[in-house]
N, C-alpha and C. Protein backbone atom coordinates (compact mmCIF):
# COMPACT_ATOMS: atom_id res chain seq x y z
N MET A 1 0.81 -1.23 -0.11
CA MET A 1 -0.06 0.16 0.14
C MET A 1 0.68 1.16 -0.10
N ALA A 2 0.88 2.18 -1.07
CA ALA A 2 1.67 3.35 -1.24
C ALA A 2 0.54 4.48 -1.65
N PHE A 3 1.30 5.42 -1.05
CA PHE A 3 0.96 6.59 -1.20
C PHE A 3 1.08 7.55 -2.57
N ASN A 4 0.08 7.91 -3.76
CA ASN A 4 0.20 8.48 -4.75
C ASN A 4 -0.63 9.54 -5.02
N PHE A 5 -0.14 10.25 -6.31
CA PHE A 5 -0.79 11.41 -6.60
C PHE A 5 -2.40 11.12 -7.07
N PRO A 6 -2.76 9.99 -7.44
CA PRO A 6 -4.30 9.54 -7.63
C PRO A 6 -5.02 9.38 -6.15
N ALA A 7 -3.94 9.03 -5.31
CA ALA A 7 -5.10 8.82 -3.96
C ALA A 7 -5.17 9.97 -3.25
N PHE A 8 -3.70 10.83 -3.58
CA PHE A 8 -4.12 12.28 -3.07
C PHE A 8 -5.25 13.30 -3.52
N THR A 9 -5.42 12.77 -5.02
CA THR A 9 -6.31 13.52 -5.72
C THR A 9 -7.80 13.10 -5.30
N TYR A 10 -7.76 12.12 -4.85
CA TYR A 10 -9.37 11.22 -4.44
C TYR A 10 -9.41 11.75 -3.03
N ILE A 11 -8.73 11.80 -2.08
CA ILE A 11 -8.67 12.74 -1.09
C ILE A 11 -9.10 14.12 -0.84
N VAL A 12 -8.40 14.86 -2.20
CA VAL A 12 -8.97 16.14 -2.06
C VAL A 12 -10.67 16.32 -2.30
N ALA A 13 -10.60 15.42 -3.46
CA ALA A 13 -11.88 15.47 -3.96
C ALA A 13 -13.16 15.08 -2.69
N LEU A 14 -12.76 13.91 -1.91
CA LEU A 14 -13.37 13.64 -1.10
C LEU A 14 -14.01 15.17 -0.23
N ILE A 15 -12.64 15.78 0.23
CA ILE A 15 -12.54 16.77 1.36
C ILE A 15 -13.89 18.01 0.71
N ILE A 16 -13.35 18.09 -0.88
CA ILE A 16 -13.99 19.23 -1.72
C ILE A 16 -15.44 18.79 -2.03
N ASP A 17 -15.64 17.31 -1.77
CA ASP A 17 -17.19 16.88 -2.12
C ASP A 17 -17.85 16.96 -1.09
N VAL A 18 -17.54 17.13 0.30
CA VAL A 18 -18.11 17.32 1.57
C VAL A 18 -18.72 18.76 2.08
N CYS A 19 -17.61 19.61 1.16
CA CYS A 19 -18.21 21.12 1.12
C CYS A 19 -19.00 21.15 0.49
N LEU A 20 -19.08 20.73 -1.05
CA LEU A 20 -20.09 20.86 -2.15
C LEU A 20 -21.47 20.22 -1.62
N ILE A 21 -21.40 19.18 -0.94
CA ILE A 21 -22.52 18.74 -0.17
C ILE A 21 -23.18 19.89 0.83
N PHE A 22 -22.14 20.47 1.65
CA PHE A 22 -23.09 21.41 2.35
C PHE A 22 -23.57 22.46 1.73
N PHE A 23 -23.18 23.09 1.02
CA PHE A 23 -23.61 24.05 -0.35
C PHE A 23 -24.88 23.17 -0.73
N ALA A 24 -25.00 22.23 -1.47
CA ALA A 24 -26.12 21.88 -1.83
C ALA A 24 -27.39 21.94 -0.71
N ILE A 25 -27.22 21.69 0.79
CA ILE A 25 -27.88 21.54 1.43
C ILE A 25 -28.41 22.53 1.84
N PHE A 26 -27.25 23.48 1.73
CA PHE A 26 -27.82 24.97 2.37
C PHE A 26 -28.67 25.43 1.29
N HIS A 27 -28.38 25.27 -0.30
CA HIS A 27 -29.33 25.69 -1.29
C HIS A 27 -30.49 25.08 -1.30
N VAL A 28 -30.71 23.77 -0.89
CA VAL A 28 -32.00 23.05 -1.04
C VAL A 28 -32.95 24.15 0.10
N ILE A 29 -32.43 23.98 1.36
CA ILE A 29 -32.95 24.53 2.54
C ILE A 29 -33.62 26.03 2.23
N ALA A 30 -32.58 27.01 1.67
CA ALA A 30 -32.60 28.28 1.47
C ALA A 30 -34.19 28.19 0.32
N PHE A 31 -34.13 27.39 -0.78
CA PHE A 31 -35.26 27.62 -1.38
C PHE A 31 -36.54 26.99 -0.81
N ASP A 32 -36.10 26.05 0.17
CA ASP A 32 -37.56 25.54 1.00
C ASP A 32 -38.05 27.05 1.59
N GLU A 33 -36.89 27.36 2.38
CA GLU A 33 -37.47 28.62 2.92
C GLU A 33 -38.40 29.71 2.20
N LEU A 34 -37.69 30.03 0.76
CA LEU A 34 -38.47 31.04 0.23
C LEU A 34 -39.77 30.37 -0.41
N LYS A 35 -40.13 29.31 -0.52
CA LYS A 35 -41.18 28.67 -0.81
C LYS A 35 -42.37 28.67 0.35
N THR A 36 -41.76 28.46 1.35
CA THR A 36 -42.72 28.57 2.49
C THR A 36 -42.88 30.25 2.93
N ASP A 37 -42.07 30.98 2.40
CA ASP A 37 -42.26 32.41 3.04
C ASP A 37 -41.96 32.25 4.32
N TYR A 38 -40.78 31.84 4.26
CA TYR A 38 -40.28 32.13 5.56
C TYR A 38 -38.90 33.14 5.98
N LYS A 39 -38.40 33.78 4.69
CA LYS A 39 -37.23 34.43 4.26
C LYS A 39 -37.67 35.53 3.50
N ASN A 40 -36.86 36.61 3.53
CA ASN A 40 -37.09 37.44 2.47
C ASN A 40 -36.26 37.24 1.27
N PRO A 41 -36.99 37.24 -0.24
CA PRO A 41 -35.87 36.71 -1.17
C PRO A 41 -34.84 37.68 -1.28
N ILE A 42 -34.68 39.13 -0.79
CA ILE A 42 -33.69 39.87 -0.91
C ILE A 42 -32.60 39.30 -0.15
N ASP A 43 -32.79 39.06 0.95
CA ASP A 43 -31.61 38.52 1.89
C ASP A 43 -31.38 37.31 1.60
N GLN A 44 -32.26 36.15 1.35
CA GLN A 44 -31.91 35.05 0.84
C GLN A 44 -31.11 35.02 -0.54
N CYS A 45 -31.34 35.71 -1.54
CA CYS A 45 -30.53 35.89 -2.91
C CYS A 45 -29.03 36.30 -2.24
N ASN A 46 -29.14 37.47 -1.26
CA ASN A 46 -27.74 37.87 -0.78
C ASN A 46 -26.90 37.18 -0.17
N SER A 47 -27.71 35.83 0.58
CA SER A 47 -26.81 34.84 1.05
C SER A 47 -26.48 33.70 -0.17
N LEU A 48 -27.10 33.55 -1.01
CA LEU A 48 -26.90 32.14 -1.93
C LEU A 48 -25.88 32.52 -2.67
N ASN A 49 -26.00 34.05 -3.47
CA ASN A 49 -25.14 34.53 -4.57
C ASN A 49 -23.69 34.31 -4.50
N PRO A 50 -22.91 34.47 -3.25
CA PRO A 50 -21.38 34.62 -2.67
C PRO A 50 -20.87 33.24 -2.90
N LEU A 51 -22.18 32.06 -2.83
CA LEU A 51 -21.74 30.78 -2.62
C LEU A 51 -21.35 30.12 -4.30
N VAL A 52 -22.13 30.82 -5.01
CA VAL A 52 -22.18 30.22 -6.49
C VAL A 52 -20.92 30.31 -6.93
N VAL A 53 -19.69 31.36 -6.89
CA VAL A 53 -18.43 30.89 -7.77
C VAL A 53 -17.82 29.99 -6.84
N PRO A 54 -17.79 30.35 -5.44
CA PRO A 54 -16.88 29.14 -4.90
C PRO A 54 -17.13 27.66 -5.18
N GLU A 55 -18.51 27.47 -5.04
CA GLU A 55 -18.83 26.00 -5.07
C GLU A 55 -18.09 25.83 -6.78
N TYR A 56 -18.58 26.62 -7.81
CA TYR A 56 -18.18 26.32 -9.28
C TYR A 56 -16.57 26.07 -9.21
N LEU A 57 -15.96 27.04 -8.73
CA LEU A 57 -14.25 26.94 -8.48
C LEU A 57 -13.70 25.80 -7.75
N LEU A 58 -14.60 25.29 -6.93
CA LEU A 58 -14.01 24.30 -5.82
C LEU A 58 -14.36 22.64 -6.76
N HIS A 59 -15.59 22.72 -7.48
CA HIS A 59 -15.71 21.57 -8.21
C HIS A 59 -14.71 21.38 -9.46
N LEU A 60 -14.14 22.63 -10.10
CA LEU A 60 -13.44 22.58 -11.20
C LEU A 60 -11.85 22.44 -10.46
N LEU A 61 -11.58 22.57 -9.34
CA LEU A 61 -10.40 22.30 -8.72
C LEU A 61 -9.71 21.02 -8.98
N PHE A 62 -10.88 19.99 -8.15
CA PHE A 62 -10.62 18.56 -8.03
C PHE A 62 -10.86 18.16 -9.77
N ASN A 63 -11.22 18.38 -10.32
CA ASN A 63 -11.33 18.10 -11.87
C ASN A 63 -10.24 18.34 -12.28
N ILE A 64 -9.79 19.39 -12.19
CA ILE A 64 -8.07 19.87 -12.74
C ILE A 64 -7.27 18.47 -12.20
N LEU A 65 -7.23 18.28 -10.81
CA LEU A 65 -6.85 17.23 -10.33
C LEU A 65 -6.67 15.84 -10.87
N PHE A 66 -8.04 15.88 -11.19
CA PHE A 66 -8.08 14.54 -11.93
C PHE A 66 -7.69 14.68 -13.15
N ILE A 67 -7.18 15.32 -14.14
CA ILE A 67 -6.89 15.90 -15.57
C ILE A 67 -5.31 15.21 -14.93
N ALA A 68 -4.65 15.94 -14.08
CA ALA A 68 -3.48 15.92 -13.90
C ALA A 68 -2.79 14.53 -13.04
N SER A 69 -3.60 13.82 -12.45
CA SER A 69 -3.52 12.64 -12.13
C SER A 69 -3.86 11.17 -13.18
N GLY A 70 -4.57 11.70 -14.10
CA GLY A 70 -4.93 11.07 -15.04
C GLY A 70 -6.48 9.98 -14.91
N GLU A 71 -7.10 10.19 -14.00
CA GLU A 71 -8.12 9.68 -13.76
C GLU A 71 -9.43 10.12 -14.65
N TRP A 72 -9.35 9.38 -15.78
CA TRP A 72 -10.15 9.97 -16.99
C TRP A 72 -11.91 9.46 -16.71
N PHE A 73 -11.86 8.70 -16.19
CA PHE A 73 -13.52 7.94 -15.76
C PHE A 73 -13.93 9.34 -15.20
N SER A 74 -13.15 9.11 -13.58
CA SER A 74 -13.75 10.04 -12.87
C SER A 74 -13.97 11.80 -13.55
N LEU A 75 -12.98 12.15 -14.32
CA LEU A 75 -13.31 13.26 -15.19
C LEU A 75 -14.66 13.35 -15.71
N CYS A 76 -14.71 12.26 -16.59
CA CYS A 76 -15.63 12.04 -17.51
C CYS A 76 -17.38 11.97 -16.83
N LEU A 77 -17.16 11.47 -15.50
CA LEU A 77 -18.26 11.74 -14.62
C LEU A 77 -18.75 13.08 -14.06
N ASN A 78 -17.86 13.83 -14.12
CA ASN A 78 -18.11 15.26 -13.82
C ASN A 78 -18.16 16.02 -14.94
N ILE A 79 -18.14 15.86 -16.11
CA ILE A 79 -18.17 16.84 -17.17
C ILE A 79 -19.32 17.20 -17.59
N PRO A 80 -20.50 16.11 -17.63
CA PRO A 80 -21.58 17.20 -17.90
C PRO A 80 -21.79 18.33 -16.38
N LEU A 81 -21.77 18.14 -15.29
CA LEU A 81 -22.11 19.03 -14.56
C LEU A 81 -21.02 20.11 -14.84
N ILE A 82 -20.00 20.33 -15.13
CA ILE A 82 -19.22 21.34 -15.34
C ILE A 82 -19.82 21.94 -16.90
N ALA A 83 -20.26 21.32 -17.40
CA ALA A 83 -21.06 22.09 -18.58
C ALA A 83 -22.04 22.91 -17.99
N TYR A 84 -22.53 22.13 -17.60
CA TYR A 84 -24.12 22.58 -16.94
C TYR A 84 -23.65 23.99 -16.27
N HIS A 85 -22.85 23.82 -15.12
CA HIS A 85 -22.17 24.81 -14.58
C HIS A 85 -21.61 26.12 -15.39
N ILE A 86 -20.96 25.93 -16.53
CA ILE A 86 -20.73 26.79 -17.61
C ILE A 86 -21.86 27.59 -18.25
N LYS A 87 -23.02 26.68 -18.57
CA LYS A 87 -24.07 27.20 -19.09
C LYS A 87 -25.17 28.01 -18.68
N ARG A 88 -25.00 27.46 -17.11
CA ARG A 88 -25.86 28.41 -16.52
C ARG A 88 -25.57 29.66 -16.12
N TYR A 89 -24.03 29.70 -15.42
CA TYR A 89 -23.24 30.75 -15.07
C TYR A 89 -23.24 32.05 -16.54
N ARG A 90 -23.37 31.38 -17.58
CA ARG A 90 -23.26 32.22 -18.75
C ARG A 90 -24.74 32.84 -18.98
N SER A 91 -25.72 32.16 -18.76
CA SER A 91 -27.17 32.50 -19.01
C SER A 91 -27.94 33.26 -18.07
N ARG A 92 -26.52 33.60 -16.70
CA ARG A 92 -27.32 34.61 -15.34
C ARG A 92 -27.98 35.49 -15.49
N PRO A 93 -28.66 36.13 -14.83
CA PRO A 93 -29.35 37.56 -15.14
C PRO A 93 -28.03 38.63 -14.76
N VAL A 94 -28.71 39.56 -15.45
CA VAL A 94 -27.46 40.57 -15.49
C VAL A 94 -27.83 41.45 -13.94
N MET A 95 -26.69 41.39 -13.12
CA MET A 95 -26.79 41.95 -11.82
C MET A 95 -25.30 42.86 -11.74
N THR A 96 -25.27 43.01 -10.34
CA THR A 96 -23.98 43.79 -10.07
C THR A 96 -23.25 43.05 -9.55
N GLY A 97 -23.37 42.11 -9.05
CA GLY A 97 -22.46 41.11 -8.36
C GLY A 97 -22.44 39.87 -9.20
N ALA A 98 -21.63 39.02 -8.91
CA ALA A 98 -21.64 37.55 -9.16
C ALA A 98 -22.58 36.95 -8.59
N GLY A 99 -23.51 36.23 -8.90
CA GLY A 99 -24.15 35.23 -8.72
C GLY A 99 -25.46 34.56 -9.72
N LEU A 100 -26.49 33.90 -9.41
CA LEU A 100 -27.16 33.38 -10.33
C LEU A 100 -29.01 33.62 -10.13
N TYR A 101 -28.91 33.99 -8.64
CA TYR A 101 -30.27 34.07 -8.27
C TYR A 101 -30.50 35.90 -8.28
N ASP A 102 -31.71 36.06 -8.92
CA ASP A 102 -32.30 37.58 -8.81
C ASP A 102 -33.51 37.63 -7.85
N PRO A 103 -33.17 38.56 -6.86
CA PRO A 103 -34.23 38.56 -5.99
C PRO A 103 -35.76 39.05 -6.66
N THR A 104 -35.75 39.57 -7.99
CA THR A 104 -37.06 39.80 -8.27
C THR A 104 -38.11 38.95 -9.12
N SER A 105 -36.95 37.94 -9.33
CA SER A 105 -37.58 36.62 -10.23
C SER A 105 -37.52 35.43 -9.29
N ILE A 106 -36.98 35.34 -8.57
CA ILE A 106 -36.74 33.95 -7.78
C ILE A 106 -37.95 33.72 -7.34
N MET A 107 -38.70 34.48 -7.09
CA MET A 107 -40.21 33.91 -6.23
C MET A 107 -41.22 33.58 -7.62
N ASN A 108 -41.13 33.16 -8.71
CA ASN A 108 -41.97 32.93 -9.48
C ASN A 108 -41.86 31.55 -9.46
N ALA A 109 -43.02 31.01 -9.51
CA ALA A 109 -43.20 29.80 -8.97
C ALA A 109 -42.32 28.63 -10.19
N ASP A 110 -42.51 29.17 -11.48
CA ASP A 110 -41.46 28.17 -12.14
C ASP A 110 -39.91 28.10 -11.97
N VAL A 111 -39.60 29.39 -11.65
CA VAL A 111 -38.05 29.77 -11.54
C VAL A 111 -37.91 28.85 -10.02
N LEU A 112 -38.54 29.31 -8.86
CA LEU A 112 -38.33 28.52 -7.89
C LEU A 112 -38.20 26.89 -7.83
N ALA A 113 -39.40 26.51 -8.53
CA ALA A 113 -39.23 25.09 -8.73
C ALA A 113 -38.24 24.61 -9.43
N LYS A 114 -37.69 25.45 -10.42
CA LYS A 114 -36.23 24.96 -11.26
C LYS A 114 -35.17 24.94 -10.06
N CYS A 115 -35.12 25.98 -9.42
CA CYS A 115 -33.95 26.43 -8.41
C CYS A 115 -33.94 25.11 -7.52
N GLN A 116 -35.01 25.11 -6.88
CA GLN A 116 -35.10 23.72 -6.09
C GLN A 116 -34.91 22.43 -6.46
N ARG A 117 -34.99 22.12 -7.87
CA ARG A 117 -34.91 20.77 -8.56
C ARG A 117 -33.50 20.70 -8.63
N GLU A 118 -32.66 21.95 -9.11
CA GLU A 118 -31.27 21.66 -9.53
C GLU A 118 -30.60 21.48 -7.93
N GLY A 119 -31.01 22.19 -6.75
CA GLY A 119 -30.44 21.65 -5.68
C GLY A 119 -30.35 20.38 -5.07
N TRP A 120 -31.81 19.44 -5.23
CA TRP A 120 -31.92 18.34 -5.18
C TRP A 120 -31.02 17.37 -5.89
N VAL A 121 -30.65 17.68 -7.40
CA VAL A 121 -30.05 17.09 -8.47
C VAL A 121 -28.75 16.99 -8.05
N LYS A 122 -28.12 18.22 -7.82
CA LYS A 122 -26.98 18.65 -7.39
C LYS A 122 -26.35 17.84 -6.24
N LEU A 123 -27.21 17.65 -5.19
CA LEU A 123 -27.25 16.73 -3.84
C LEU A 123 -26.90 15.28 -4.12
N ALA A 124 -27.96 15.19 -4.76
CA ALA A 124 -27.76 13.52 -5.15
C ALA A 124 -26.52 13.19 -5.91
N PHE A 125 -26.01 14.20 -6.79
CA PHE A 125 -24.83 13.91 -7.72
C PHE A 125 -23.72 14.12 -6.50
N TYR A 126 -23.58 14.77 -5.84
CA TYR A 126 -22.65 15.05 -4.73
C TYR A 126 -22.58 14.19 -3.95
N LEU A 127 -23.57 13.50 -3.45
CA LEU A 127 -23.65 12.48 -2.59
C LEU A 127 -23.02 11.18 -3.13
N LEU A 128 -23.59 10.85 -4.47
CA LEU A 128 -23.12 9.45 -5.34
C LEU A 128 -21.54 9.89 -5.34
N SER A 129 -20.79 11.00 -5.62
CA SER A 129 -19.77 11.01 -6.20
C SER A 129 -18.82 11.03 -5.19
N PHE A 130 -19.37 11.13 -3.96
CA PHE A 130 -18.49 11.05 -2.48
C PHE A 130 -18.22 9.71 -2.46
N PHE A 131 -19.00 8.48 -2.84
CA PHE A 131 -19.08 7.40 -2.23
C PHE A 131 -18.08 6.80 -3.57
N TYR A 132 -18.19 7.28 -4.62
CA TYR A 132 -17.20 6.70 -5.72
C TYR A 132 -15.74 7.33 -5.30
N TYR A 133 -15.50 8.33 -5.01
CA TYR A 133 -14.32 8.86 -4.81
C TYR A 133 -13.65 8.37 -3.52
N LEU A 134 -14.53 7.92 -2.52
CA LEU A 134 -14.00 7.40 -1.42
C LEU A 134 -13.58 5.85 -2.19
N TYR A 135 -14.38 5.27 -3.04
CA TYR A 135 -13.72 3.68 -3.76
C TYR A 135 -12.64 4.12 -4.34
N GLY A 136 -12.77 5.17 -5.11
CA GLY A 136 -11.49 5.17 -6.03
C GLY A 136 -10.25 5.46 -5.12
N MET A 137 -10.31 6.43 -3.97
CA MET A 137 -9.38 6.57 -3.14
C MET A 137 -8.92 5.30 -2.58
N ILE A 138 -9.55 4.36 -2.13
CA ILE A 138 -9.01 2.79 -1.42
C ILE A 138 -8.53 2.03 -2.77
N TYR A 139 -9.32 2.40 -3.72
CA TYR A 139 -8.88 1.26 -4.89
C TYR A 139 -7.43 1.81 -5.49
N SER A 140 -7.05 2.97 -5.16
CA SER A 140 -5.44 3.81 -5.93
C SER A 140 -4.81 3.48 -4.71
N LEU A 141 -5.02 3.55 -3.59
CA LEU A 141 -4.01 3.08 -2.58
C LEU A 141 -3.77 1.51 -2.29
N ILE A 142 -4.75 0.53 -2.63
CA ILE A 142 -4.48 -0.70 -2.59
C ILE A 142 -3.83 -1.31 -3.87
N THR A 143 -4.11 -0.83 -5.33
CA THR A 143 -3.49 -1.12 -6.36
C THR A 143 -2.05 -0.61 -6.35
N THR A 144 -1.66 0.17 -5.85
CA THR A 144 -0.16 0.89 -5.78
C THR A 144 0.38 0.17 -5.00
């Protein structure tokens, strides 16, 4: 059993994936609070928008590590979400700061449902990815 760069990559991916799981849980809770009118849309968007760019950068960081370590299958699993993040960020509403959520349109039923569904799908993806990265870490530690 030897420690190698792919194992390090999977360890970093596990740690970052835990952070991304917390981001996704926070998004799901925030949209549920908006749906039930517990929070003001302006305050909620002000707390959600600063998390968008760090989430995207963290996800991109460990995928760059996957490229560097030659973990192509793990990278291929993440490419659809990276493409979605790029598409979503390029089509964001025009605002003064970086972010995806506009307080004036977030309370529309279809926009709120779409954002809530997006949060649940990301949460499921990050949870499944966590277990795959755990498997990849153990496999790369054992095979070397």
